[in-house]
C-alpha atoms as a PDB file:
ATOM      1  CA  MET A   1     320.069  25.885 191.546  1.00  0.00           C
ATOM      2  CA  SER A   2     318.362  28.305 194.116  1.00  0.00           C
ATOM      3  CA  ASP A   3     321.400  30.265 194.472  1.00  0.00           C
ATOM      4  CA  THR A   4     323.160  29.230 191.490  1.00  0.00           C
ATOM      5  CA  TYR A   5     323.388  33.095 190.349  1.00  0.00           C
ATOM      6  CA  THR A   6     323.494  34.940 193.894  1.00  0.00           C
ATOM      7  CA  ARG A   7     326.651  32.542 194.797  1.00  0.00           C
ATOM      8  CA  ALA A   8     328.432  33.336 191.554  1.00  0.00           C
ATOM      9  CA  ARG A   9     328.000  37.082 191.627  1.00  0.00           C
ATOM     10  CA  GLU A  10     329.273  37.161 194.947  1.00  0.00           C
ATOM     11  CA  PHE A  11     332.184  34.972 193.275  1.00  0.00           C
ATOM     12  CA  ILE A  12     332.596  37.126 190.837  1.00  0.00           C
ATOM     13  CA  LEU A  13     332.863  40.694 193.060  1.00  0.00           C
ATOM     14  CA  THR A  14     335.698  39.416 194.906  1.00  0.00           C
ATOM     15  CA  HIS A  15     337.541  38.008 192.290  1.00  0.00           C
ATOM     16  CA  ALA A  16     337.254  38.849 189.350  1.00  0.00           C
ATOM     17  CA  ARG A  17     339.043  42.305 187.026  1.00  0.00           C
ATOM     18  CA  LEU A  18     337.368  45.254 185.839  1.00  0.00           C
ATOM     19  CA  LEU A  19     336.974  43.771 182.407  1.00  0.00           C
ATOM     20  CA  GLU A  20     334.687  40.320 183.709  1.00  0.00           C
ATOM     21  CA  ARG A  21     333.422  42.558 186.489  1.00  0.00           C
ATOM     22  CA  LEU A  22     331.830  44.683 183.841  1.00  0.00           C
ATOM     23  CA  LEU A  23     330.927  42.404 181.175  1.00  0.00           C
ATOM     24  CA  PHE A  24     329.111  40.504 184.117  1.00  0.00           C
ATOM     25  CA  ALA A  25     327.039  43.727 185.062  1.00  0.00           C
ATOM     26  CA  ALA A  26     326.207  44.293 181.242  1.00  0.00           C
ATOM     27  CA  ARG A  27     324.772  41.087 181.030  1.00  0.00           C
ATOM     28  CA  PHE A  28     322.582  40.584 183.923  1.00  0.00           C
ATOM     29  CA  GLU A  29     322.135  43.606 185.817  1.00  0.00           C
ATOM     30  CA  GLY A  30     321.578  46.510 183.488  1.00  0.00           C
ATOM     31  CA  GLY A  31     325.413  47.978 183.712  1.00  0.00           C
ATOM     32  CA  ASP A  32     326.549  50.053 180.885  1.00  0.00           C
ATOM     33  CA  ALA A  33     327.819  48.023 177.802  1.00  0.00           C
ATOM     34  CA  ALA A  34     330.031  51.294 177.207  1.00  0.00           C
ATOM     35  CA  ALA A  35     332.167  50.801 180.357  1.00  0.00           C
ATOM     36  CA  VAL A  36     332.781  47.406 178.579  1.00  0.00           C
ATOM     37  CA  GLY A  37     334.860  49.086 175.385  1.00  0.00           C
ATOM     38  CA  ARG A  38     336.450  51.978 177.637  1.00  0.00           C
ATOM     39  CA  VAL A  39     338.357  49.054 179.416  1.00  0.00           C
ATOM     40  CA  VAL A  40     338.861  47.128 175.712  1.00  0.00           C
ATOM     41  CA  ALA A  41     340.782  49.817 174.891  1.00  0.00           C
ATOM     42  CA  ALA A  42     342.854  50.876 177.608  1.00  0.00           C
ATOM     43  CA  TYR A  43     344.732  47.497 176.636  1.00  0.00           C
ATOM     44  CA  GLN A  44     345.457  48.860 173.499  1.00  0.00           C
ATOM     45  CA  ASN A  45     349.278  49.380 172.412  1.00  0.00           C
ATOM     46  CA  GLY A  46     350.272  52.261 170.009  1.00  0.00           C
ATOM     47  CA  ASP A  47     350.638  49.499 167.684  1.00  0.00           C
ATOM     48  CA  GLY A  48     346.962  48.987 167.702  1.00  0.00           C
ATOM     49  CA  GLY A  49     346.898  45.867 169.018  1.00  0.00           C
ATOM     50  CA  LEU A  50     345.935  44.486 172.232  1.00  0.00           C
ATOM     51  CA  GLY A  51     348.452  43.147 175.169  1.00  0.00           C
ATOM     52  CA  HIS A  52     348.938  43.216 179.265  1.00  0.00           C
ATOM     53  CA  ALA A  53     348.353  39.787 179.930  1.00  0.00           C
ATOM     54  CA  LEU A  54     344.452  40.411 178.301  1.00  0.00           C
ATOM     55  CA  GLU A  55     344.260  36.232 177.882  1.00  0.00           C
ATOM     56  CA  PRO A  56     344.866  35.913 181.935  1.00  0.00           C
ATOM     57  CA  ASP A  57     347.461  33.176 180.749  1.00  0.00           C
ATOM     58  CA  LEU A  58     350.240  34.774 178.742  1.00  0.00           C
ATOM     59  CA  ARG A  59     351.327  37.864 181.546  1.00  0.00           C
ATOM     60  CA  CYS A  60     353.138  39.598 178.189  1.00  0.00           C
ATOM     61  CA  SER A  61     352.473  43.572 177.658  1.00  0.00           C
ATOM     62  CA  SER A  62     353.149  43.492 174.421  1.00  0.00           C
ATOM     63  CA  SER A  63     350.290  43.179 171.433  1.00  0.00           C
ATOM     64  CA  GLN A  64     349.183  39.110 170.721  1.00  0.00           C
ATOM     65  CA  PRO A  65     346.506  38.103 168.123  1.00  0.00           C
ATOM     66  CA  LEU A  66     345.246  35.740 170.824  1.00  0.00           C
ATOM     67  CA  PHE A  67     344.498  39.292 172.842  1.00  0.00           C
ATOM     68  CA  ALA A  68     342.894  40.883 169.772  1.00  0.00           C
ATOM     69  CA  GLU A  69     339.959  37.337 169.655  1.00  0.00           C
ATOM     70  CA  VAL A  70     340.101  37.929 173.777  1.00  0.00           C
ATOM     71  CA  GLY A  71     339.137  41.965 173.296  1.00  0.00           C
ATOM     72  CA  LEU A  72     336.898  41.736 170.862  1.00  0.00           C
ATOM     73  CA  SER A  73     334.923  38.210 172.029  1.00  0.00           C
ATOM     74  CA  ALA A  74     334.570  41.028 175.507  1.00  0.00           C
ATOM     75  CA  LEU A  75     332.882  43.544 172.817  1.00  0.00           C
ATOM     76  CA  ARG A  76     330.433  41.010 171.152  1.00  0.00           C
ATOM     77  CA  ASP A  77     329.155  39.601 174.464  1.00  0.00           C
ATOM     78  CA  ALA A  78     328.694  43.446 175.426  1.00  0.00           C
ATOM     79  CA  GLY A  79     326.782  44.053 172.311  1.00  0.00           C
ATOM     80  CA  ARG A  80     329.307  46.879 171.766  1.00  0.00           C
ATOM     81  CA  ARG A  81     331.146  48.025 168.267  1.00  0.00           C
ATOM     82  CA  GLU A  82     333.946  50.743 168.677  1.00  0.00           C
ATOM     83  CA  PRO A  83     335.055  50.977 165.029  1.00  0.00           C
ATOM     84  CA  GLU A  84     338.388  52.862 165.947  1.00  0.00           C
ATOM     85  CA  LEU A  85     339.522  50.249 168.233  1.00  0.00           C
ATOM     86  CA  ALA A  86     338.593  47.950 165.880  1.00  0.00           C
ATOM     87  CA  ARG A  87     340.450  49.605 162.880  1.00  0.00           C
ATOM     88  CA  ARG A  88     343.788  49.491 164.220  1.00  0.00           C
ATOM     89  CA  LEU A  89     343.447  46.529 165.529  1.00  0.00           C
ATOM     90  CA  CYS A  90     342.975  45.820 161.664  1.00  0.00           C
ATOM     91  CA  ASP A  91     346.045  47.648 161.047  1.00  0.00           C
ATOM     92  CA  TYR A  92     347.893  45.797 163.672  1.00  0.00           C
ATOM     93  CA  LEU A  93     346.817  42.499 162.435  1.00  0.00           C
ATOM     94  CA  GLU A  94     348.327  43.718 159.014  1.00  0.00           C
ATOM     95  CA  THR A  95     351.441  43.764 160.600  1.00  0.00           C
ATOM     96  CA  VAL A  96     352.399  40.384 161.503  1.00  0.00           C
ATOM     97  CA  CYS A  97     350.203  38.461 158.800  1.00  0.00           C
ATOM     98  CA  ASP A  98     351.470  36.582 155.881  1.00  0.00           C
ATOM     99  CA  ALA A  99     351.242  36.856 151.908  1.00  0.00           C
ATOM    100  CA  ARG A 100     347.455  35.198 152.423  1.00  0.00           C
ATOM    101  CA  GLY A 101     346.278  37.227 155.616  1.00  0.00           C
ATOM    102  CA  LEU A 102     346.658  34.416 158.162  1.00  0.00           C
ATOM    103  CA  VAL A 103     347.565  35.562 161.690  1.00  0.00           C
ATOM    104  CA  PRO A 104     349.807  33.176 164.299  1.00  0.00           C
ATOM    105  CA  ILE A 105     348.396  33.448 167.703  1.00  0.00           C
ATOM    106  CA  ILE A 106     351.180  34.528 169.693  1.00  0.00           C
ATOM    107  CA  ASP A 107     354.824  35.550 168.476  1.00  0.00           C
ATOM    108  CA  ALA A 108     357.890  35.523 170.204  1.00  0.00           C
ATOM    109  CA  GLN A 109     357.461  38.126 172.185  1.00  0.00           C
ATOM    110  CA  ALA A 110     354.703  35.988 174.322  1.00  0.00           C
ATOM    111  CA  LEU A 111     357.025  33.576 175.515  1.00  0.00           C
ATOM    112  CA  CYS A 112     359.756  35.775 177.165  1.00  0.00           C
ATOM    113  CA  GLU A 113     357.316  36.910 179.759  1.00  0.00           C
ATOM    114  CA  PRO A 114     355.955  34.608 182.934  1.00  0.00           C
ATOM    115  CA  ARG A 115     353.100  32.192 181.233  1.00  0.00           C
ATOM    116  CA  ALA A 116     351.069  29.519 182.029  1.00  0.00           C
ATOM    117  CA  SER A 117     353.164  25.960 180.971  1.00  0.00           C
ATOM    118  CA  HIS A 118     351.331  24.947 177.968  1.00  0.00           C
ATOM    119  CA  TRP A 119     352.184  27.818 176.450  1.00  0.00           C
ATOM    120  CA  THR A 120     355.471  26.762 174.744  1.00  0.00           C
ATOM    121  CA  ALA A 121     355.907  28.042 170.964  1.00  0.00           C
ATOM    122  CA  ALA A 122     354.664  30.838 169.104  1.00  0.00           C
ATOM    123  CA  GLY A 123     352.378  30.004 166.335  1.00  0.00           C
ATOM    124  CA  GLU A 124     352.478  29.455 162.920  1.00  0.00           C
ATOM    125  CA  PRO A 125     349.777  32.000 160.873  1.00  0.00           C
ATOM    126  CA  SER A 126     346.810  29.541 160.666  1.00  0.00           C
ATOM    127  CA  LEU A 127     343.020  29.565 160.315  1.00  0.00           C
ATOM    128  CA  ASN A 128     343.008  29.367 164.571  1.00  0.00           C
ATOM    129  CA  PRO A 129     342.815  32.164 165.354  1.00  0.00           C
ATOM    130  CA  THR A 130     342.455  34.168 162.273  1.00  0.00           C
ATOM    131  CA  ALA A 131     338.646  32.967 161.348  1.00  0.00           C
ATOM    132  CA  GLY A 132     337.676  34.027 164.693  1.00  0.00           C
ATOM    133  CA  ILE A 133     339.306  37.168 164.442  1.00  0.00           C
ATOM    134  CA  CYS A 134     337.526  37.884 161.481  1.00  0.00           C
ATOM    135  CA  GLY A 135     334.224  37.199 162.401  1.00  0.00           C
ATOM    136  CA  LEU A 136     334.409  39.113 165.546  1.00  0.00           C
ATOM    137  CA  LEU A 137     335.758  41.959 163.143  1.00  0.00           C
ATOM    138  CA  HIS A 138     332.410  41.280 161.032  1.00  0.00           C
ATOM    139  CA  PHE A 139     330.341  41.953 164.216  1.00  0.00           C
ATOM    140  CA  GLN A 140     332.404  45.286 164.604  1.00  0.00           C
ATOM    141  CA  GLN A 141     330.610  46.203 161.138  1.00  0.00           C
ATOM    142  CA  VAL A 142     334.331  47.855 159.889  1.00  0.00           C
ATOM    143  CA  GLU A 143     336.096  47.307 156.768  1.00  0.00           C
ATOM    144  CA  HIS A 144     339.272  46.959 156.199  1.00  0.00           C
ATOM    145  CA  GLY A 145     341.760  45.586 153.164  1.00  0.00           C
ATOM    146  CA  TRP A 146     343.285  43.123 155.752  1.00  0.00           C
ATOM    147  CA  LEU A 147     339.987  41.573 156.836  1.00  0.00           C
ATOM    148  CA  GLU A 148     338.733  41.525 153.249  1.00  0.00           C
ATOM    149  CA  ARG A 149     341.779  39.357 152.467  1.00  0.00           C
ATOM    150  CA  ALA A 150     342.131  37.335 155.186  1.00  0.00           C
ATOM    151  CA  THR A 151     338.539  36.552 155.377  1.00  0.00           C
ATOM    152  CA  GLN A 152     338.243  35.418 151.548  1.00  0.00           C
ATOM    153  CA  THR A 153     341.274  33.331 152.652  1.00  0.00           C
ATOM    154  CA  CYS A 154     339.600  31.643 155.275  1.00  0.00           C
ATOM    155  CA  GLN A 155     336.454  30.795 153.043  1.00  0.00           C
ATOM    156  CA  SER A 156     338.693  29.231 150.930  1.00  0.00           C
ATOM    157  CA  LEU A 157     340.220  27.173 152.988  1.00  0.00           C
ATOM    158  CA  LEU A 158     337.799  25.788 155.177  1.00  0.00           C
ATOM    159  CA  LEU A 159     336.059  25.230 152.028  1.00  0.00           C
ATOM    160  CA  ALA A 160     338.616  23.262 150.264  1.00  0.00           C
ATOM    161  CA  GLN A 161     339.612  20.879 153.181  1.00  0.00           C
ATOM    162  CA  PRO A 162     337.652  21.595 156.555  1.00  0.00           C
ATOM    163  CA  PRO A 163     339.633  21.303 159.278  1.00  0.00           C
ATOM    164  CA  GLN A 164     339.971  18.062 161.883  1.00  0.00           C
ATOM    165  CA  GLU A 165     340.680  20.003 164.838  1.00  0.00           C
ATOM    166  CA  GLY A 166     338.119  21.192 167.458  1.00  0.00           C
ATOM    167  CA  HIS A 167     339.320  24.625 168.400  1.00  0.00           C
ATOM    168  CA  THR A 168     340.176  25.392 164.725  1.00  0.00           C
ATOM    169  CA  LEU A 169     336.617  24.149 164.281  1.00  0.00           C
ATOM    170  CA  LEU A 170     335.328  26.985 167.100  1.00  0.00           C
ATOM    171  CA  SER A 171     337.305  29.615 165.355  1.00  0.00           C
ATOM    172  CA  ALA A 172     335.493  29.117 162.298  1.00  0.00           C
ATOM    173  CA  ALA A 173     332.357  29.116 163.930  1.00  0.00           C
ATOM    174  CA  GLN A 174     332.836  32.643 165.000  1.00  0.00           C
ATOM    175  CA  LEU A 175     333.345  33.105 161.440  1.00  0.00           C
ATOM    176  CA  CYS A 176     330.173  31.666 160.450  1.00  0.00           C
ATOM    177  CA  GLU A 177     327.868  33.747 163.140  1.00  0.00           C
ATOM    178  CA  HIS A 178     329.239  37.428 161.901  1.00  0.00           C
ATOM    179  CA  ILE A 179     330.190  37.122 158.534  1.00  0.00           C
ATOM    180  CA  PRO A 180     327.850  39.371 156.783  1.00  0.00           C
ATOM    181  CA  ASP A 181     327.000  37.421 153.370  1.00  0.00           C
ATOM    182  CA  PRO A 182     324.570  34.772 154.305  1.00  0.00           C
ATOM    183  CA  ARG A 183     325.341  32.497 151.398  1.00  0.00           C
ATOM    184  CA  ALA A 184     328.330  32.134 152.559  1.00  0.00           C
ATOM    185  CA  ALA A 185     327.513  31.984 156.226  1.00  0.00           C
ATOM    186  CA  GLY A 186     325.248  28.936 155.409  1.00  0.00           C
ATOM    187  CA  GLN A 187     328.148  27.271 153.374  1.00  0.00           C
ATOM    188  CA  LEU A 188     330.723  27.614 156.506  1.00  0.00           C
ATOM    189  CA  THR A 189     328.139  26.212 159.340  1.00  0.00           C
ATOM    190  CA  GLU A 190     327.245  23.096 157.103  1.00  0.00           C
ATOM    191  CA  VAL A 191     331.263  22.942 156.979  1.00  0.00           C
ATOM    192  CA  VAL A 192     332.012  22.865 160.360  1.00  0.00           C
ATOM    193  CA  ALA A 193     328.791  20.826 161.479  1.00  0.00           C
ATOM    194  CA  ARG A 194     330.092  18.348 159.228  1.00  0.00           C
ATOM    195  CA  ALA A 195     333.522  18.348 160.638  1.00  0.00           C
ATOM    196  CA  LEU A 196     332.699  18.325 164.368  1.00  0.00           C
ATOM    197  CA  PRO A 197     331.397  14.759 165.104  1.00  0.00           C
ATOM    198  CA  GLN A 198     335.162  13.308 164.048  1.00  0.00           C
ATOM    199  CA  ALA A 199     337.155  16.262 165.179  1.00  0.00           C
ATOM    200  CA  THR A 200     340.109  15.981 167.809  1.00  0.00           C
ATOM    201  CA  PHE A 201     339.780  17.803 171.334  1.00  0.00           C
ATOM    202  CA  TYR A 202     335.788  17.481 170.560  1.00  0.00           C
ATOM    203  CA  ILE A 203     333.321  16.035 173.376  1.00  0.00           C
ATOM    204  CA  PRO A 204     329.717  15.095 172.157  1.00  0.00           C
ATOM    205  CA  GLU A 205     328.200  13.269 175.270  1.00  0.00           C
ATOM    206  CA  ALA A 206     328.470  14.280 179.277  1.00  0.00           C
ATOM    207  CA  PRO A 207     330.424  13.586 181.223  1.00  0.00           C
ATOM    208  CA  VAL A 208     333.681  15.347 180.549  1.00  0.00           C
ATOM    209  CA  THR A 209     336.424  13.411 181.490  1.00  0.00           C
ATOM    210  CA  GLU A 210     339.456  15.067 179.984  1.00  0.00           C
ATOM    211  CA  TYR A 211     339.959  18.265 178.146  1.00  0.00           C
ATOM    212  CA  GLY A 212     338.487  19.088 175.097  1.00  0.00           C
ATOM    213  CA  LEU A 213     334.847  21.480 173.723  1.00  0.00           C
ATOM    214  CA  THR A 214     331.728  20.626 173.752  1.00  0.00           C
ATOM    215  CA  PRO A 215     328.516  21.518 172.203  1.00  0.00           C
ATOM    216  CA  LEU A 216     328.247  24.213 174.595  1.00  0.00           C
ATOM    217  CA  HIS A 217     331.108  25.884 173.032  1.00  0.00           C
ATOM    218  CA  PHE A 218     329.578  26.146 169.933  1.00  0.00           C
ATOM    219  CA  ALA A 219     325.704  26.337 170.769  1.00  0.00           C
ATOM    220  CA  ARG A 220     326.648  29.278 173.844  1.00  0.00           C
ATOM    221  CA  ALA A 221     322.451  29.638 173.837  1.00  0.00           C
ATOM    222  CA  SER A 222     319.638  27.514 172.550  1.00  0.00           C
ATOM    223  CA  ASP A 223     318.967  30.316 169.656  1.00  0.00           C
ATOM    224  CA  SER A 224     322.529  29.387 168.546  1.00  0.00           C
ATOM    225  CA  GLN A 225     322.528  28.793 164.633  1.00  0.00           C
ATOM    226  CA  PHE A 226     324.618  25.926 165.799  1.00  0.00           C
ATOM    227  CA  ALA A 227     322.136  24.569 168.128  1.00  0.00           C
ATOM    228  CA  PRO A 228     319.796  22.400 165.549  1.00  0.00           C
ATOM    229  CA  PHE A 229     323.042  20.628 164.867  1.00  0.00           C
ATOM    230  CA  PHE A 230     323.367  18.709 168.490  1.00  0.00           C
ATOM    231  CA  THR A 231     320.315  16.446 170.039  1.00  0.00           C
ATOM    232  CA  ALA A 232     318.905  17.897 172.780  1.00  0.00           C
ATOM    233  CA  THR A 233     320.249  14.654 175.062  1.00  0.00           C
ATOM    234  CA  GLN A 234     323.500  15.905 174.431  1.00  0.00           C
ATOM    235  CA  LEU A 235     323.002  19.518 175.251  1.00  0.00           C
ATOM    236  CA  ASP A 236     321.231  18.844 178.416  1.00  0.00           C
ATOM    237  CA  GLY A 237     323.930  16.420 179.492  1.00  0.00           C
ATOM    238  CA  HIS A 238     326.561  19.099 179.000  1.00  0.00           C
ATOM    239  CA  LEU A 239     324.631  21.520 180.936  1.00  0.00           C
ATOM    240  CA  ASP A 240     323.750  19.229 183.671  1.00  0.00           C
ATOM    241  CA  GLU A 241     327.316  19.043 184.087  1.00  0.00           C
ATOM    242  CA  LEU A 242     328.320  22.466 183.942  1.00  0.00           C
ATOM    243  CA  ALA A 243     325.440  23.288 186.754  1.00  0.00           C
ATOM    244  CA  ALA A 244     326.969  20.242 188.381  1.00  0.00           C
ATOM    245  CA  GLN A 245     330.613  21.574 188.942  1.00  0.00           C
ATOM    246  CA  GLN A 246     330.034  25.109 190.618  1.00  0.00           C
ATOM    247  CA  GLN A 247     332.044  25.023 193.643  1.00  0.00           C
ATOM    248  CA  GLU A 248     331.451  25.775 197.273  1.00  0.00           C
ATOM    249  CA  ASP A 249     333.030  29.474 196.742  1.00  0.00           C
ATOM    250  CA  GLY A 250     330.482  30.358 193.870  1.00  0.00           C
ATOM    251  CA  GLY A 251     332.667  30.156 191.377  1.00  0.00           C
ATOM    252  CA  TRP A 252     333.502  27.531 188.831  1.00  0.00           C
ATOM    253  CA  PRO A 253     336.974  25.678 188.682  1.00  0.00           C
ATOM    254  CA  ILE A 254     339.659  25.914 185.374  1.00  0.00           C
ATOM    255  CA  HIS A 255     341.518  22.297 184.940  1.00  0.00           C
ATOM    256  CA  TRP A 256     345.134  23.444 183.834  1.00  0.00           C
ATOM    257  CA  GLU A 257     347.743  25.841 186.361  1.00  0.00           C
ATOM    258  CA  ALA A 258     347.321  29.414 185.645  1.00  0.00           C
ATOM    259  CA  PRO A 259     351.248  31.020 185.792  1.00  0.00           C
ATOM    260  CA  GLY A 260     350.094  32.586 189.538  1.00  0.00           C
ATOM    261  CA  PRO A 261     347.781  33.177 191.812  1.00  0.00           C
ATOM    262  CA  GLY A 262     346.304  36.323 190.363  1.00  0.00           C
ATOM    263  CA  ALA A 263     345.602  34.442 186.649  1.00  0.00           C
ATOM    264  CA  THR A 264     343.710  31.891 188.995  1.00  0.00           C
ATOM    265  CA  CYS A 265     341.429  34.440 190.422  1.00  0.00           C
ATOM    266  CA  GLU A 266     341.073  36.290 186.514  1.00  0.00           C
ATOM    267  CA  TRP A 267     340.366  32.641 184.738  1.00  0.00           C
ATOM    268  CA  ARG A 268     338.140  31.380 187.319  1.00  0.00           C
ATOM    269  CA  ALA A 269     336.245  34.552 187.212  1.00  0.00           C
ATOM    270  CA  ARG A 270     336.353  34.389 183.681  1.00  0.00           C
ATOM    271  CA  VAL A 271     334.958  30.841 183.544  1.00  0.00           C
ATOM    272  CA  THR A 272     332.384  31.422 185.881  1.00  0.00           C
ATOM    273  CA  TYR A 273     330.512  34.435 183.671  1.00  0.00           C
ATOM    274  CA  GLU A 274     331.462  31.961 181.068  1.00  0.00           C
ATOM    275  CA  ALA A 275     328.920  29.437 182.779  1.00  0.00           C
ATOM    276  CA  LEU A 276     326.613  31.489 183.910  1.00  0.00           C
ATOM    277  CA  ARG A 277     326.296  33.243 180.282  1.00  0.00           C
ATOM    278  CA  VAL A 278     325.628  30.104 179.122  1.00  0.00           C
ATOM    279  CA  LEU A 279     323.134  29.000 181.751  1.00  0.00           C
ATOM    280  CA  ASP A 280     320.979  31.798 181.355  1.00  0.00           C
ATOM    281  CA  GLY A 281     321.201  31.391 177.740  1.00  0.00           C
ATOM    282  CA  TYR A 282     319.384  27.605 178.194  1.00  0.00           C
ATOM    283  CA  GLY A 283     317.300  29.437 180.591  1.00  0.00           C
ATOM    284  CA  ARG A 284     318.456  27.319 183.199  1.00  0.00           C
ATOM    285  CA  LEU A 285     318.759  30.525 186.031  1.00  0.00           C
ATOM    286  CA  SER A 286     316.177  31.631 187.886  1.00  0.00           C
ATOM    287  CA  ARG A 287     315.090  35.267 186.875  1.00  0.00           C
ATOM    288  CA  GLU A 288     313.741  35.680 190.300  1.00  0.00           C
ATOM    289  CA  GLU A 289     317.475  35.185 192.256  1.00  0.00           C
ATOM    290  CA  TRP A 290     318.317  38.527 190.381  1.00  0.00           C
ATOM    291  CA  PRO A 291     318.432  42.135 191.487  1.00  0.00           C
ATOM    292  CA  ALA A 292     317.018  44.718 190.004  1.00  0.00           C
ATOM    293  CA  GLY A 293     318.713  46.281 187.021  1.00  0.00           C
END
């Protein structure tokens, strides 16, 4: 892996949009995390939501809950808190939720613009993405009536009937990581850990031969609260496979058809940044390769 970092760095600098360039710089090269906050804020619409193809497979400008999750994830990765942006996001989410506080992943407006072929229908209000969004908003340390109601709903649903689908469990895992109540965090972590081995779209062992989520999606670093629920063999197998997937151009591939060449570059740069972040989180990148920050 002598040139893993340098090759990936060149790919990001030549293919990534500004958001991923700044995330990369903040994580690896001493860049200003506040710049990530300014870029995410540029995606915010007048209604408080985030839009403008923040998730590259949906090219709409309208606010979408999925875009809120993507933007909040970027802030979390940069360790950046933007309380005013977060409060306005809560205001928007309150306008699109059901009586319980649950939000859909996208609405019908997202289907009126170019999009990847797998986006075929608007979503129903559900735990995915609501639980994940709530967790990321708790990282922002904001208080809001919608956030309190939605968090309580997600807790009740997860405890009463644990999900059996991998993406919903991943959304729940984000709530586990950031919910401020330690007792609730412990209860929900156990729920996710017990349900995950039997979940659909979950691939416990390498190699990965079809689309799905792996232990590395849940334990993004060796100190993750979910890492103890996976064996060393599971984690090492997926880390070996992840490292081996780096392409000749320095980037990592995507395994679906994005809606256009620009979206393909954006996605490949995103997954390249995420691959570096995970490999670094498990000590798989040599610091000697890095330029001085």
